[in-house]
Amino acid sequence: MDLPAPYLILVALLVVGLIGGVIRWGLGPDSDRRKDYGLLREVAKVTSPDSARLVEQELQDVGIKATTVPTDDGFGYRVMVFPNDEREAIDTLLRRHPD
């Protein structure tokens, strides 16, 4: 079935517009969206890089891989782990720091 020429032009314009929108969204500035760290989950929020390193070390001592990222406001640090380690990480930190 052949589409008439005006419909082909309309479909082509819609496809180009859709692709342009996806590219603009994907490459646009991060200021209007929260930074995404994929699968990583936050297990602690601290105020200094030294505190973040201590928390990371405590988790690594029990075999949990952790990483630190800055908070969205830039005034702190978030310690992140993978979802499979989230519960164990929280339990570990609560046992060592019950307050």
N, C-alpha and C. Protein backbone atom coordinates (compact mmCIF):
# COMPACT_ATOMS: atom_id res chain seq x y z
N MET A 1 0.83 -1.18 0.00
CA MET A 1 0.00 0.00 0.00
C MET A 1 0.88 1.24 0.00
N ASP A 2 0.71 2.07 -0.99
CA ASP A 2 1.50 3.30 -1.10
C ASP A 2 0.75 4.45 -0.46
N LEU A 3 1.47 5.22 0.35
CA LEU A 3 0.89 6.40 0.96
C LEU A 3 1.05 7.57 0.00
N PRO A 4 0.07 8.42 -0.06
CA PRO A 4 0.23 9.62 -0.89
C PRO A 4 1.37 10.48 -0.37
N ALA A 5 1.98 11.26 -1.22
CA ALA A 5 3.14 12.09 -0.89
C ALA A 5 2.92 13.00 0.31
N PRO A 6 1.78 13.69 0.48
CA PRO A 6 1.62 14.58 1.65
C PRO A 6 1.74 13.82 2.97
N TYR A 7 1.24 12.59 3.02
CA TYR A 7 1.34 11.82 4.26
C TYR A 7 2.78 11.41 4.54
N LEU A 8 3.54 11.10 3.51
CA LEU A 8 4.94 10.75 3.70
C LEU A 8 5.72 11.92 4.28
N ILE A 9 5.45 13.11 3.79
CA ILE A 9 6.14 14.30 4.30
C ILE A 9 5.77 14.53 5.76
N LEU A 10 4.50 14.38 6.11
CA LEU A 10 4.05 14.56 7.48
C LEU A 10 4.69 13.53 8.41
N VAL A 11 4.73 12.28 8.00
CA VAL A 11 5.35 11.22 8.80
C VAL A 11 6.85 11.51 8.97
N ALA A 12 7.51 11.93 7.91
CA ALA A 12 8.95 12.23 7.99
C ALA A 12 9.19 13.39 8.96
N LEU A 13 8.38 14.42 8.91
CA LEU A 13 8.53 15.55 9.83
C LEU A 13 8.29 15.13 11.28
N LEU A 14 7.30 14.29 11.51
CA LEU A 14 7.05 13.81 12.86
C LEU A 14 8.21 12.98 13.40
N VAL A 15 8.77 12.13 12.57
CA VAL A 15 9.89 11.29 12.99
C VAL A 15 11.12 12.17 13.31
N VAL A 16 11.40 13.14 12.45
CA VAL A 16 12.54 14.03 12.67
C VAL A 16 12.31 14.84 13.96
N GLY A 17 11.10 15.33 14.17
CA GLY A 17 10.79 16.08 15.39
C GLY A 17 10.95 15.24 16.64
N LEU A 18 10.50 14.00 16.58
CA LEU A 18 10.63 13.09 17.71
C LEU A 18 12.10 12.81 18.02
N ILE A 19 12.87 12.53 17.01
CA ILE A 19 14.30 12.28 17.21
C ILE A 19 14.99 13.52 17.79
N GLY A 20 14.65 14.69 17.27
CA GLY A 20 15.22 15.94 17.79
C GLY A 20 14.87 16.15 19.25
N GLY A 21 13.63 15.86 19.63
CA GLY A 21 13.21 16.01 21.03
C GLY A 21 13.97 15.08 21.96
N VAL A 22 14.15 13.83 21.53
CA VAL A 22 14.89 12.86 22.35
C VAL A 22 16.34 13.29 22.50
N ILE A 23 16.95 13.74 21.44
CA ILE A 23 18.35 14.19 21.50
C ILE A 23 18.48 15.41 22.41
N ARG A 24 17.57 16.35 22.29
CA ARG A 24 17.63 17.55 23.13
C ARG A 24 17.47 17.18 24.61
N TRP A 25 16.54 16.28 24.90
CA TRP A 25 16.33 15.86 26.28
C TRP A 25 17.57 15.14 26.81
N GLY A 26 18.14 14.27 25.99
CA GLY A 26 19.29 13.47 26.43
C GLY A 26 20.56 14.26 26.59
N LEU A 27 20.75 15.29 25.81
CA LEU A 27 21.99 16.06 25.85
C LEU A 27 21.81 17.42 26.51
N GLY A 28 20.62 17.71 27.00
CA GLY A 28 20.34 19.01 27.62
C GLY A 28 21.06 19.18 28.95
N PRO A 29 21.00 20.37 29.51
CA PRO A 29 21.67 20.64 30.79
C PRO A 29 21.04 19.85 31.93
N ASP A 30 21.85 19.54 32.94
CA ASP A 30 21.38 18.77 34.10
C ASP A 30 20.69 19.65 35.13
N SER A 31 20.68 20.94 34.93
CA SER A 31 20.16 21.84 35.96
C SER A 31 18.69 21.60 36.26
N ASP A 32 17.92 21.13 35.29
CA ASP A 32 16.50 20.93 35.53
C ASP A 32 16.13 19.48 35.84
N ARG A 33 17.10 18.58 35.95
CA ARG A 33 16.83 17.21 36.35
C ARG A 33 17.84 16.80 37.42
N ARG A 34 17.40 15.97 38.30
CA ARG A 34 18.28 15.44 39.34
C ARG A 34 19.30 14.51 38.70
N LYS A 35 20.51 14.54 39.19
CA LYS A 35 21.54 13.65 38.65
C LYS A 35 21.15 12.20 38.95
N ASP A 36 21.34 11.36 37.97
CA ASP A 36 20.96 9.96 38.09
C ASP A 36 22.23 9.13 38.22
N TYR A 37 22.29 8.29 39.24
CA TYR A 37 23.45 7.43 39.43
C TYR A 37 23.11 5.98 39.15
N GLY A 38 22.20 5.78 38.21
CA GLY A 38 21.86 4.43 37.78
C GLY A 38 21.27 3.60 38.89
N LEU A 39 21.86 2.45 39.12
CA LEU A 39 21.34 1.52 40.12
C LEU A 39 21.73 1.89 41.55
N LEU A 40 22.68 2.78 41.73
CA LEU A 40 23.19 3.06 43.06
C LEU A 40 22.12 3.67 43.97
N ARG A 41 22.16 3.27 45.24
CA ARG A 41 21.21 3.75 46.24
C ARG A 41 21.96 4.46 47.36
N GLU A 42 21.40 5.53 47.86
CA GLU A 42 22.00 6.28 48.96
C GLU A 42 21.79 5.54 50.28
N VAL A 43 22.88 5.36 51.05
CA VAL A 43 22.77 4.74 52.37
C VAL A 43 23.22 5.68 53.48
N ALA A 44 23.89 6.77 53.12
CA ALA A 44 24.32 7.74 54.13
C ALA A 44 24.52 9.10 53.46
N LYS A 45 24.29 10.14 54.25
CA LYS A 45 24.55 11.51 53.79
C LYS A 45 25.40 12.16 54.87
N VAL A 46 26.56 12.69 54.49
CA VAL A 46 27.49 13.29 55.44
C VAL A 46 27.89 14.68 54.96
N THR A 47 28.56 15.42 55.84
CA THR A 47 28.87 16.82 55.52
C THR A 47 30.27 17.06 55.00
N SER A 48 31.18 16.09 55.17
CA SER A 48 32.56 16.33 54.74
C SER A 48 33.10 15.14 53.96
N PRO A 49 34.11 15.38 53.14
CA PRO A 49 34.71 14.27 52.39
C PRO A 49 35.40 13.27 53.33
N ASP A 50 35.95 13.75 54.45
CA ASP A 50 36.59 12.84 55.40
C ASP A 50 35.56 11.88 56.00
N SER A 51 34.39 12.41 56.35
CA SER A 51 33.32 11.55 56.88
C SER A 51 32.88 10.54 55.85
N ALA A 52 32.79 10.96 54.60
CA ALA A 52 32.39 10.05 53.53
C ALA A 52 33.41 8.92 53.37
N ARG A 53 34.70 9.26 53.46
CA ARG A 53 35.74 8.23 53.35
C ARG A 53 35.64 7.24 54.51
N LEU A 54 35.34 7.73 55.71
CA LEU A 54 35.19 6.83 56.86
C LEU A 54 34.02 5.86 56.66
N VAL A 55 32.91 6.38 56.18
CA VAL A 55 31.74 5.52 55.94
C VAL A 55 32.06 4.50 54.85
N GLU A 56 32.69 4.95 53.78
CA GLU A 56 33.08 4.03 52.70
C GLU A 56 33.98 2.93 53.25
N GLN A 57 34.96 3.31 54.10
CA GLN A 57 35.89 2.33 54.66
C GLN A 57 35.16 1.32 55.54
N GLU A 58 34.21 1.79 56.35
CA GLU A 58 33.44 0.87 57.19
C GLU A 58 32.69 -0.15 56.34
N LEU A 59 32.12 0.32 55.24
CA LEU A 59 31.39 -0.60 54.35
C LEU A 59 32.34 -1.55 53.65
N GLN A 60 33.48 -1.04 53.21
CA GLN A 60 34.44 -1.89 52.52
C GLN A 60 35.02 -2.95 53.46
N ASP A 61 35.11 -2.62 54.76
CA ASP A 61 35.61 -3.59 55.74
C ASP A 61 34.72 -4.82 55.84
N VAL A 62 33.43 -4.68 55.54
CA VAL A 62 32.52 -5.84 55.56
C VAL A 62 32.22 -6.36 54.16
N GLY A 63 32.98 -5.87 53.16
CA GLY A 63 32.86 -6.40 51.80
C GLY A 63 31.84 -5.72 50.91
N ILE A 64 31.42 -4.50 51.27
CA ILE A 64 30.44 -3.78 50.46
C ILE A 64 31.15 -2.68 49.68
N LYS A 65 30.99 -2.71 48.37
CA LYS A 65 31.56 -1.65 47.54
C LYS A 65 30.70 -0.40 47.68
N ALA A 66 31.34 0.74 47.88
CA ALA A 66 30.62 2.00 48.05
C ALA A 66 31.35 3.10 47.30
N THR A 67 30.60 4.12 46.95
CA THR A 67 31.18 5.29 46.30
C THR A 67 30.51 6.53 46.87
N THR A 68 31.16 7.67 46.72
CA THR A 68 30.64 8.92 47.25
C THR A 68 30.42 9.90 46.12
N VAL A 69 29.28 10.59 46.18
CA VAL A 69 28.95 11.63 45.20
C VAL A 69 28.50 12.87 45.96
N PRO A 70 28.69 14.05 45.36
CA PRO A 70 28.21 15.26 46.04
C PRO A 70 26.68 15.31 46.06
N THR A 71 26.14 15.97 47.08
CA THR A 71 24.69 16.15 47.14
C THR A 71 24.28 17.14 46.06
N ASP A 72 22.99 17.16 45.74
CA ASP A 72 22.51 18.04 44.68
C ASP A 72 22.74 19.51 45.00
N ASP A 73 22.70 19.87 46.29
CA ASP A 73 22.90 21.27 46.66
C ASP A 73 24.37 21.63 46.80
N GLY A 74 25.26 20.63 46.76
CA GLY A 74 26.70 20.88 46.82
C GLY A 74 27.25 21.08 48.22
N PHE A 75 26.44 20.88 49.26
CA PHE A 75 26.88 21.13 50.63
C PHE A 75 27.03 19.84 51.44
N GLY A 76 27.23 18.74 50.80
CA GLY A 76 27.39 17.47 51.50
C GLY A 76 27.76 16.38 50.53
N TYR A 77 27.76 15.16 51.04
CA TYR A 77 28.16 14.00 50.24
C TYR A 77 27.21 12.84 50.51
N ARG A 78 26.92 12.08 49.47
CA ARG A 78 26.04 10.91 49.56
C ARG A 78 26.88 9.66 49.34
N VAL A 79 26.78 8.72 50.27
CA VAL A 79 27.47 7.44 50.11
C VAL A 79 26.48 6.48 49.46
N MET A 80 26.89 5.90 48.35
CA MET A 80 26.02 5.09 47.51
C MET A 80 26.52 3.66 47.41
N VAL A 81 25.57 2.70 47.36
CA VAL A 81 25.88 1.28 47.17
C VAL A 81 24.90 0.69 46.16
N PHE A 82 25.20 -0.52 45.71
CA PHE A 82 24.30 -1.21 44.80
C PHE A 82 23.09 -1.75 45.57
N PRO A 83 21.94 -1.91 44.90
CA PRO A 83 20.71 -2.35 45.58
C PRO A 83 20.87 -3.65 46.37
N ASN A 84 21.64 -4.60 45.87
CA ASN A 84 21.83 -5.88 46.58
C ASN A 84 22.52 -5.70 47.92
N ASP A 85 23.29 -4.62 48.07
CA ASP A 85 24.04 -4.38 49.30
C ASP A 85 23.37 -3.34 50.20
N GLU A 86 22.27 -2.76 49.74
CA GLU A 86 21.66 -1.65 50.47
C GLU A 86 21.27 -2.03 51.90
N ARG A 87 20.53 -3.11 52.07
CA ARG A 87 20.06 -3.49 53.40
C ARG A 87 21.23 -3.80 54.34
N GLU A 88 22.21 -4.56 53.85
CA GLU A 88 23.38 -4.90 54.67
C GLU A 88 24.18 -3.65 55.02
N ALA A 89 24.30 -2.72 54.08
CA ALA A 89 25.03 -1.48 54.34
C ALA A 89 24.34 -0.66 55.43
N ILE A 90 23.04 -0.53 55.33
CA ILE A 90 22.29 0.23 56.34
C ILE A 90 22.41 -0.44 57.70
N ASP A 91 22.24 -1.76 57.74
CA ASP A 91 22.37 -2.49 59.00
C ASP A 91 23.77 -2.32 59.60
N THR A 92 24.80 -2.40 58.76
CA THR A 92 26.18 -2.23 59.22
C THR A 92 26.38 -0.85 59.82
N LEU A 93 25.91 0.17 59.14
CA LEU A 93 26.09 1.53 59.64
C LEU A 93 25.29 1.77 60.91
N LEU A 94 24.10 1.20 61.01
CA LEU A 94 23.29 1.37 62.22
C LEU A 94 23.91 0.65 63.41
N ARG A 95 24.53 -0.52 63.18
CA ARG A 95 25.19 -1.23 64.28
C ARG A 95 26.39 -0.46 64.80
N ARG A 96 27.11 0.17 63.90
CA ARG A 96 28.33 0.91 64.30
C ARG A 96 28.03 2.31 64.82
N HIS A 97 26.89 2.86 64.40
CA HIS A 97 26.51 4.22 64.80
C HIS A 97 25.03 4.23 65.16
N PRO A 98 24.65 3.72 66.31
CA PRO A 98 23.24 3.57 66.64
C PRO A 98 22.50 4.90 66.87
N ASP A 99 23.20 5.99 67.08
CA ASP A 99 22.50 7.26 67.35
C ASP A 99 22.15 7.97 66.12
